[in-house]
Protein backbone atom coordinates (compact mmCIF):
# COMPACT_ATOMS: atom_id res chain seq x y z
CA MET A 1 0.00 0.00 0.00
CA ALA A 2 2.95 2.37 0.56
CA ASP A 3 3.26 4.99 -2.20
CA SER A 4 0.29 3.56 -4.09
CA THR A 5 -3.26 4.57 -4.93
CA VAL A 6 -5.91 2.36 -3.34
CA ALA A 7 -9.64 2.09 -2.76
CA PRO A 8 -10.57 3.30 0.74
CA PRO A 9 -9.07 0.69 3.12
CA ALA A 10 -10.86 -0.51 6.25
CA ALA A 11 -7.56 -1.12 8.06
CA LEU A 12 -3.84 -0.51 7.95
CA ARG A 13 -1.68 -3.63 7.62
CA LEU A 14 2.01 -3.49 8.44
CA TRP A 15 4.56 -6.29 8.02
CA PHE A 16 7.79 -6.43 10.02
CA SER A 17 10.84 -8.66 9.73
CA GLU A 18 10.64 -9.54 13.44
CA LYS A 19 7.87 -10.11 15.93
CA VAL A 20 6.78 -6.80 17.50
CA ASP A 21 5.21 -6.10 20.87
CA VAL A 22 1.89 -4.51 19.89
CA SER A 23 1.29 -3.29 23.45
CA VAL A 24 4.14 -0.77 23.14
CA SER A 25 4.01 -0.16 19.38
CA SER A 26 1.89 2.49 17.68
CA VAL A 27 0.59 3.78 14.38
CA ARG A 28 -0.71 7.24 13.49
CA LEU A 29 -2.71 8.04 10.36
CA ARG A 30 -2.97 11.65 9.14
CA ASP A 31 -4.89 13.14 6.23
CA ALA A 32 -3.48 15.65 3.70
CA GLY A 33 -4.29 18.54 6.04
CA GLY A 34 -2.40 16.92 8.93
CA ALA A 35 -5.51 15.94 10.91
CA THR A 36 -5.26 12.63 12.77
CA VAL A 37 -7.60 9.88 11.56
CA ARG A 38 -8.73 7.63 14.39
CA THR A 39 -7.51 4.04 14.25
CA GLY A 40 -8.09 1.01 16.43
CA ALA A 41 -5.51 -0.67 18.63
CA LEU A 42 -2.74 -2.62 16.96
CA ALA A 43 -3.21 -6.38 16.86
CA TYR A 44 -1.83 -9.31 14.94
CA ALA A 45 -4.01 -10.52 12.06
CA GLY A 46 -2.90 -14.10 12.73
CA PRO A 47 -0.32 -15.78 14.94
CA ALA A 48 1.86 -13.27 16.82
CA ASP A 49 4.97 -13.76 14.71
CA ALA A 50 6.91 -12.00 11.95
CA LYS A 51 4.86 -13.73 9.23
CA SER A 52 1.55 -12.15 10.28
CA PRO A 53 0.78 -8.49 9.63
CA VAL A 54 0.06 -6.07 12.43
CA VAL A 55 -3.34 -4.46 11.83
CA ALA A 56 -5.07 -1.26 12.97
CA SER A 57 -8.68 -0.73 11.92
CA ILE A 58 -9.64 2.67 10.47
CA ALA A 59 -12.63 4.41 12.04
CA GLY A 60 -14.92 5.37 9.19
CA PRO A 61 -14.31 5.55 5.45
CA LEU A 62 -11.38 7.58 4.14
CA LYS A 63 -12.09 10.38 1.69
CA PRO A 64 -10.06 10.63 -1.52
CA GLY A 65 -6.64 12.19 -1.00
CA THR A 66 -3.17 11.57 0.37
CA TYR A 67 -2.58 10.04 3.80
CA ARG A 68 0.59 9.58 5.86
CA VAL A 69 1.23 6.69 8.21
CA ALA A 70 3.81 7.05 10.98
CA TRP A 71 4.64 3.93 12.96
CA VAL A 72 6.79 2.92 15.90
CA ALA A 73 7.40 -0.78 16.47
CA ALA A 74 9.17 -2.31 19.45
CA SER A 75 10.45 -5.87 19.42
CA ASP A 76 10.36 -8.20 22.39
CA ASP A 77 13.86 -7.05 23.38
CA GLY A 78 12.61 -3.45 23.71
CA HIS A 79 14.45 -2.13 20.65
CA ALA A 80 12.21 0.37 18.85
CA VAL A 81 12.28 1.31 15.18
CA LYS A 82 10.11 3.85 13.38
CA GLY A 83 9.12 4.80 9.90
CA GLU A 84 6.67 6.66 7.76
CA PHE A 85 5.01 6.20 4.40
CA ALA A 86 2.25 7.77 2.31
CA PHE A 87 -0.57 6.40 0.20
CA ARG A 88 -3.42 7.89 -1.82
CA VAL A 89 -7.11 7.01 -1.70
CA ALA A 90 -8.73 7.10 -5.11
CA ALA A 91 -12.00 8.86 -5.81
CA ALA A 92 -15.00 6.59 -6.34
CA ARG A 93 -15.75 5.88 -10.00
């Protein structure tokens, strides 16, 4: 989804190379104007391992435009990494 144009997603899905501790990790979604879009708590979509994506539901449908995702993920050893990416939501056809 990073740097792509998508239909309005119902959730953010993030994949990591290691298992992350979702209780101390976070994700923030912002619209083109910088306003925060409410998301649900992070959780694994499957088994809590590096093969399953970490998911945060999105409260309500996203309007067309550009969005930025900022994330912080901490592994079981407490080491935190962070990143950011953008995506665009396409207008309905």
